[in-house]
């Protein structure tokens, strides 16, 4: 079965990609991009380091613009990031038998709720898989045994999550993304153990 794993290059989505590959799925790691900034390179590098196929999914910038408008109005990123994630999931569900991501039990955003998952599976005739039964400690243990990791300050050169292009567009629109997104660190996969 053809499976898409929404991919940031981080430990959670890498774990999902390896799990599905070892279970026999034909896995493609997919990173969304909206044309504001080529944020997919760190994810591409991580995918290469674990020997999995990677694809950049180019989506319309209007999705990112709607999300950034929400974020700038709210002064908080969660609802805008949820909007992007839902749109990306909908887009890949038209192309794959299985849609997966690395969201865990204790993640708040981006994350689909159970009703959204059921609706997606029924409407698109796909399977949706995430790490919802896994908490942070479980994922930390598993990835610590599977991957070589690099932890560094999150920025445009180290991250491939939705936040990169959101920040770029906020700043282009005259906002200050540093006021909305706190400084934080990104864990990238740089190889298999």
C-alpha atoms as a PDB file:
ATOM      1  CA  UNK A   1       0.000   0.000   0.000  1.00  0.00           C
ATOM      2  CA  UNK A   2       1.199   3.502  -0.851  1.00  0.00           C
ATOM      3  CA  UNK A   3       1.669   5.579   2.320  1.00  0.00           C
ATOM      4  CA  UNK A   4       2.423   9.257   2.750  1.00  0.00           C
ATOM      5  CA  UNK A   5       4.056  10.462   5.958  1.00  0.00           C
ATOM      6  CA  UNK A   6       3.804  14.221   6.424  1.00  0.00           C
ATOM      7  CA  UNK A   7       7.423  15.001   7.082  1.00  0.00           C
ATOM      8  CA  UNK A   8       9.298  17.746   8.883  1.00  0.00           C
ATOM      9  CA  UNK A   9      12.579  15.863   9.199  1.00  0.00           C
ATOM     10  CA  UNK A  10      12.104  15.577  12.938  1.00  0.00           C
ATOM     11  CA  UNK A  11      12.108  12.549  15.172  1.00  0.00           C
ATOM     12  CA  UNK A  12       8.327  11.958  15.321  1.00  0.00           C
ATOM     13  CA  UNK A  13       7.657  11.904  11.576  1.00  0.00           C
ATOM     14  CA  UNK A  14      10.892   9.938  11.021  1.00  0.00           C
ATOM     15  CA  UNK A  15       9.718   7.343  13.529  1.00  0.00           C
ATOM     16  CA  UNK A  16       6.401   7.017  11.705  1.00  0.00           C
ATOM     17  CA  UNK A  17       8.202   6.618   8.363  1.00  0.00           C
ATOM     18  CA  UNK A  18      10.457   3.857   9.678  1.00  0.00           C
ATOM     19  CA  UNK A  19       7.599   2.029  11.432  1.00  0.00           C
ATOM     20  CA  UNK A  20       5.459   1.980   8.275  1.00  0.00           C
ATOM     21  CA  UNK A  21       8.413   0.981   6.077  1.00  0.00           C
ATOM     22  CA  UNK A  22       9.248  -1.947   8.336  1.00  0.00           C
ATOM     23  CA  UNK A  23       5.593  -3.001   8.280  1.00  0.00           C
ATOM     24  CA  UNK A  24       5.752  -3.263   4.479  1.00  0.00           C
ATOM     25  CA  UNK A  25       4.130  -0.021   3.336  1.00  0.00           C
ATOM     26  CA  UNK A  26       5.489   1.792   0.271  1.00  0.00           C
ATOM     27  CA  UNK A  27       6.415   4.980   2.160  1.00  0.00           C
ATOM     28  CA  UNK A  28       7.022   8.418   0.748  1.00  0.00           C
ATOM     29  CA  UNK A  29       7.951  11.227   3.132  1.00  0.00           C
ATOM     30  CA  UNK A  30       6.136  14.401   2.054  1.00  0.00           C
ATOM     31  CA  UNK A  31       6.999  17.963   3.035  1.00  0.00           C
ATOM     32  CA  UNK A  32       4.555  20.740   2.137  1.00  0.00           C
ATOM     33  CA  UNK A  33       5.842  23.970   0.643  1.00  0.00           C
ATOM     34  CA  UNK A  34       3.933  27.101  -0.352  1.00  0.00           C
ATOM     35  CA  UNK A  35       6.598  28.901  -2.400  1.00  0.00           C
ATOM     36  CA  UNK A  36       7.433  31.593   0.141  1.00  0.00           C
ATOM     37  CA  UNK A  37      10.694  29.953   1.222  1.00  0.00           C
ATOM     38  CA  UNK A  38      12.311  26.647   0.257  1.00  0.00           C
ATOM     39  CA  UNK A  39      11.911  25.215   3.758  1.00  0.00           C
ATOM     40  CA  UNK A  40      12.071  21.594   2.656  1.00  0.00           C
ATOM     41  CA  UNK A  41      15.858  21.123   2.512  1.00  0.00           C
ATOM     42  CA  UNK A  42      16.367  20.053   6.151  1.00  0.00           C
ATOM     43  CA  UNK A  43      13.601  17.448   5.713  1.00  0.00           C
ATOM     44  CA  UNK A  44      15.105  16.224   2.443  1.00  0.00           C
ATOM     45  CA  UNK A  45      18.467  15.805   4.187  1.00  0.00           C
ATOM     46  CA  UNK A  46      16.876  13.889   7.073  1.00  0.00           C
ATOM     47  CA  UNK A  47      14.992  11.619   4.656  1.00  0.00           C
ATOM     48  CA  UNK A  48      18.215  10.835   2.806  1.00  0.00           C
ATOM     49  CA  UNK A  49      19.942  10.055   6.104  1.00  0.00           C
ATOM     50  CA  UNK A  50      17.395   7.324   6.873  1.00  0.00           C
ATOM     51  CA  UNK A  51      17.187   6.071   3.277  1.00  0.00           C
ATOM     52  CA  UNK A  52      13.540   6.921   2.634  1.00  0.00           C
ATOM     53  CA  UNK A  53      11.982   8.575  -0.421  1.00  0.00           C
ATOM     54  CA  UNK A  54      11.153  12.281  -0.043  1.00  0.00           C
ATOM     55  CA  UNK A  55       8.788  14.480  -1.993  1.00  0.00           C
ATOM     56  CA  UNK A  56       8.032  18.176  -1.840  1.00  0.00           C
ATOM     57  CA  UNK A  57       4.306  18.875  -2.132  1.00  0.00           C
ATOM     58  CA  UNK A  58       3.870  22.339  -3.643  1.00  0.00           C
ATOM     59  CA  UNK A  59       0.609  23.883  -2.488  1.00  0.00           C
ATOM     60  CA  UNK A  60      -1.080  27.190  -3.234  1.00  0.00           C
ATOM     61  CA  UNK A  61       0.244  30.123  -1.230  1.00  0.00           C
ATOM     62  CA  UNK A  62      -3.352  31.194  -0.477  1.00  0.00           C
ATOM     63  CA  UNK A  63      -3.504  28.441   2.178  1.00  0.00           C
ATOM     64  CA  UNK A  64      -0.476  29.920   3.916  1.00  0.00           C
ATOM     65  CA  UNK A  65      -1.863  33.441   3.541  1.00  0.00           C
ATOM     66  CA  UNK A  66      -5.153  32.485   5.233  1.00  0.00           C
ATOM     67  CA  UNK A  67      -3.243  30.847   8.087  1.00  0.00           C
ATOM     68  CA  UNK A  68      -0.917  33.828   8.534  1.00  0.00           C
ATOM     69  CA  UNK A  69      -3.884  36.211   8.611  1.00  0.00           C
ATOM     70  CA  UNK A  70      -5.420  34.080  11.385  1.00  0.00           C
ATOM     71  CA  UNK A  71      -2.150  34.002  13.291  1.00  0.00           C
ATOM     72  CA  UNK A  72      -1.568  37.740  13.015  1.00  0.00           C
ATOM     73  CA  UNK A  73      -5.131  38.430  14.154  1.00  0.00           C
ATOM     74  CA  UNK A  74      -4.932  35.957  17.063  1.00  0.00           C
ATOM     75  CA  UNK A  75      -1.363  36.807  18.009  1.00  0.00           C
ATOM     76  CA  UNK A  76      -0.993  33.069  18.555  1.00  0.00           C
ATOM     77  CA  UNK A  77      -0.063  30.380  15.990  1.00  0.00           C
ATOM     78  CA  UNK A  78      -2.168  27.312  16.898  1.00  0.00           C
ATOM     79  CA  UNK A  79      -5.313  27.844  14.798  1.00  0.00           C
ATOM     80  CA  UNK A  80      -3.344  28.896  11.727  1.00  0.00           C
ATOM     81  CA  UNK A  81      -1.072  25.863  11.973  1.00  0.00           C
ATOM     82  CA  UNK A  82      -4.125  23.597  12.396  1.00  0.00           C
ATOM     83  CA  UNK A  83      -5.608  25.104   9.221  1.00  0.00           C
ATOM     84  CA  UNK A  84      -2.441  24.380   7.233  1.00  0.00           C
ATOM     85  CA  UNK A  85      -2.185  20.833   8.569  1.00  0.00           C
ATOM     86  CA  UNK A  86      -5.802  20.044   7.698  1.00  0.00           C
ATOM     87  CA  UNK A  87      -5.332  21.406   4.159  1.00  0.00           C
ATOM     88  CA  UNK A  88      -2.133  19.405   3.657  1.00  0.00           C
ATOM     89  CA  UNK A  89      -3.785  16.202   4.928  1.00  0.00           C
ATOM     90  CA  UNK A  90      -6.729  16.751   2.579  1.00  0.00           C
ATOM     91  CA  UNK A  91      -4.384  17.269  -0.383  1.00  0.00           C
ATOM     92  CA  UNK A  92      -2.334  14.111   0.150  1.00  0.00           C
ATOM     93  CA  UNK A  93      -5.420  12.003   0.881  1.00  0.00           C
ATOM     94  CA  UNK A  94      -6.294  12.279  -2.816  1.00  0.00           C
ATOM     95  CA  UNK A  95      -3.023  10.573  -3.799  1.00  0.00           C
ATOM     96  CA  UNK A  96      -2.240   7.917  -1.189  1.00  0.00           C
ATOM     97  CA  UNK A  97      -3.918   4.889   0.392  1.00  0.00           C
ATOM     98  CA  UNK A  98      -2.517   5.795   3.801  1.00  0.00           C
ATOM     99  CA  UNK A  99      -1.918   9.236   5.279  1.00  0.00           C
ATOM    100  CA  UNK A 100       0.291   9.372   8.353  1.00  0.00           C
ATOM    101  CA  UNK A 101       2.009  11.947  10.491  1.00  0.00           C
ATOM    102  CA  UNK A 102       4.085  12.056  13.635  1.00  0.00           C
ATOM    103  CA  UNK A 103       1.537  13.642  15.953  1.00  0.00           C
ATOM    104  CA  UNK A 104       1.668  12.155  19.456  1.00  0.00           C
ATOM    105  CA  UNK A 105      -0.815  11.840  22.297  1.00  0.00           C
ATOM    106  CA  UNK A 106       0.516  14.950  24.066  1.00  0.00           C
ATOM    107  CA  UNK A 107       0.740  17.198  20.987  1.00  0.00           C
ATOM    108  CA  UNK A 108      -1.655  20.115  20.855  1.00  0.00           C
ATOM    109  CA  UNK A 109      -1.067  21.368  17.332  1.00  0.00           C
ATOM    110  CA  UNK A 110      -1.120  20.460  14.532  1.00  0.00           C
ATOM    111  CA  UNK A 111      -3.450  17.636  15.243  1.00  0.00           C
ATOM    112  CA  UNK A 112      -6.683  16.283  13.807  1.00  0.00           C
ATOM    113  CA  UNK A 113      -9.370  15.284  16.287  1.00  0.00           C
ATOM    114  CA  UNK A 114     -11.194  11.947  16.081  1.00  0.00           C
ATOM    115  CA  UNK A 115     -14.173  13.375  14.199  1.00  0.00           C
ATOM    116  CA  UNK A 116     -11.895  14.965  11.599  1.00  0.00           C
ATOM    117  CA  UNK A 117     -10.026  11.665  11.194  1.00  0.00           C
ATOM    118  CA  UNK A 118     -13.239   9.648  10.735  1.00  0.00           C
ATOM    119  CA  UNK A 119     -14.527  12.177   8.221  1.00  0.00           C
ATOM    120  CA  UNK A 120     -11.256  12.079   6.268  1.00  0.00           C
ATOM    121  CA  UNK A 121     -11.179   8.277   6.178  1.00  0.00           C
ATOM    122  CA  UNK A 122     -14.830   8.043   5.079  1.00  0.00           C
ATOM    123  CA  UNK A 123     -14.744  10.845   2.484  1.00  0.00           C
ATOM    124  CA  UNK A 124     -11.372   9.984   0.930  1.00  0.00           C
ATOM    125  CA  UNK A 125     -11.385   6.199   1.476  1.00  0.00           C
ATOM    126  CA  UNK A 126      -7.952   6.315   3.135  1.00  0.00           C
ATOM    127  CA  UNK A 127      -6.368   5.094   6.333  1.00  0.00           C
ATOM    128  CA  UNK A 128      -5.038   7.749   8.688  1.00  0.00           C
ATOM    129  CA  UNK A 129      -2.275   6.787  11.117  1.00  0.00           C
ATOM    130  CA  UNK A 130      -0.483   8.823  13.774  1.00  0.00           C
ATOM    131  CA  UNK A 131       1.409   8.231  17.012  1.00  0.00           C
ATOM    132  CA  UNK A 132      -1.558   9.124  19.222  1.00  0.00           C
ATOM    133  CA  UNK A 133      -1.009   6.279  21.683  1.00  0.00           C
ATOM    134  CA  UNK A 134       2.649   7.304  22.086  1.00  0.00           C
ATOM    135  CA  UNK A 135       3.621   9.986  24.583  1.00  0.00           C
ATOM    136  CA  UNK A 136       6.810  12.031  24.621  1.00  0.00           C
ATOM    137  CA  UNK A 137       8.719   9.554  26.802  1.00  0.00           C
ATOM    138  CA  UNK A 138       7.882   6.597  24.554  1.00  0.00           C
ATOM    139  CA  UNK A 139       8.875   8.441  21.399  1.00  0.00           C
ATOM    140  CA  UNK A 140      12.090   9.682  23.031  1.00  0.00           C
ATOM    141  CA  UNK A 141      13.025   6.093  23.939  1.00  0.00           C
ATOM    142  CA  UNK A 142      12.230   4.699  20.473  1.00  0.00           C
ATOM    143  CA  UNK A 143      13.979   7.398  18.475  1.00  0.00           C
ATOM    144  CA  UNK A 144      16.971   7.268  20.812  1.00  0.00           C
ATOM    145  CA  UNK A 145      17.417   3.638  19.817  1.00  0.00           C
ATOM    146  CA  UNK A 146      16.786   4.151  16.083  1.00  0.00           C
ATOM    147  CA  UNK A 147      18.273   7.484  15.027  1.00  0.00           C
ATOM    148  CA  UNK A 148      21.270   9.738  15.232  1.00  0.00           C
ATOM    149  CA  UNK A 149      19.828  13.118  16.270  1.00  0.00           C
ATOM    150  CA  UNK A 150      20.911  16.738  16.132  1.00  0.00           C
ATOM    151  CA  UNK A 151      19.279  19.299  18.423  1.00  0.00           C
ATOM    152  CA  UNK A 152      19.659  22.932  17.399  1.00  0.00           C
ATOM    153  CA  UNK A 153      17.922  26.274  17.602  1.00  0.00           C
ATOM    154  CA  UNK A 154      14.947  26.306  15.245  1.00  0.00           C
ATOM    155  CA  UNK A 155      15.454  28.574  12.235  1.00  0.00           C
ATOM    156  CA  UNK A 156      15.039  28.593   8.453  1.00  0.00           C
ATOM    157  CA  UNK A 157      18.129  26.470   7.878  1.00  0.00           C
ATOM    158  CA  UNK A 158      17.313  23.772  10.452  1.00  0.00           C
ATOM    159  CA  UNK A 159      13.558  23.277  10.237  1.00  0.00           C
ATOM    160  CA  UNK A 160      11.066  22.112   7.632  1.00  0.00           C
ATOM    161  CA  UNK A 161       7.852  22.422   9.614  1.00  0.00           C
ATOM    162  CA  UNK A 162       4.991  24.760   8.723  1.00  0.00           C
ATOM    163  CA  UNK A 163       6.411  27.418  11.023  1.00  0.00           C
ATOM    164  CA  UNK A 164       9.243  28.376   8.652  1.00  0.00           C
ATOM    165  CA  UNK A 165       7.066  29.695   5.843  1.00  0.00           C
ATOM    166  CA  UNK A 166       4.549  31.116   8.322  1.00  0.00           C
ATOM    167  CA  UNK A 167       7.336  33.183   9.904  1.00  0.00           C
ATOM    168  CA  UNK A 168       8.583  34.343   6.493  1.00  0.00           C
ATOM    169  CA  UNK A 169       5.148  35.502   5.386  1.00  0.00           C
ATOM    170  CA  UNK A 170       4.379  37.216   8.715  1.00  0.00           C
ATOM    171  CA  UNK A 171       7.619  39.171   8.413  1.00  0.00           C
ATOM    172  CA  UNK A 172       6.907  39.980   4.727  1.00  0.00           C
ATOM    173  CA  UNK A 173       3.494  41.354   5.747  1.00  0.00           C
ATOM    174  CA  UNK A 174       5.156  43.716   8.234  1.00  0.00           C
ATOM    175  CA  UNK A 175       4.538  41.612  11.326  1.00  0.00           C
ATOM    176  CA  UNK A 176       7.134  40.368  13.762  1.00  0.00           C
ATOM    177  CA  UNK A 177       7.164  36.567  13.861  1.00  0.00           C
ATOM    178  CA  UNK A 178       9.509  36.620  16.869  1.00  0.00           C
ATOM    179  CA  UNK A 179       6.689  38.076  18.962  1.00  0.00           C
ATOM    180  CA  UNK A 180       4.373  35.179  18.026  1.00  0.00           C
ATOM    181  CA  UNK A 181       6.780  32.232  18.052  1.00  0.00           C
ATOM    182  CA  UNK A 182       9.042  31.806  21.053  1.00  0.00           C
ATOM    183  CA  UNK A 183      12.652  30.716  20.612  1.00  0.00           C
ATOM    184  CA  UNK A 184      12.818  26.927  20.660  1.00  0.00           C
ATOM    185  CA  UNK A 185      14.920  23.999  19.539  1.00  0.00           C
ATOM    186  CA  UNK A 186      14.383  21.506  16.723  1.00  0.00           C
ATOM    187  CA  UNK A 187      15.500  17.892  16.800  1.00  0.00           C
ATOM    188  CA  UNK A 188      16.474  16.668  13.341  1.00  0.00           C
ATOM    189  CA  UNK A 189      17.267  13.155  12.287  1.00  0.00           C
ATOM    190  CA  UNK A 190      20.736  12.906  10.756  1.00  0.00           C
ATOM    191  CA  UNK A 191      21.047   9.129  10.406  1.00  0.00           C
ATOM    192  CA  UNK A 192      20.118   5.642  11.504  1.00  0.00           C
ATOM    193  CA  UNK A 193      21.913   3.891  14.358  1.00  0.00           C
END
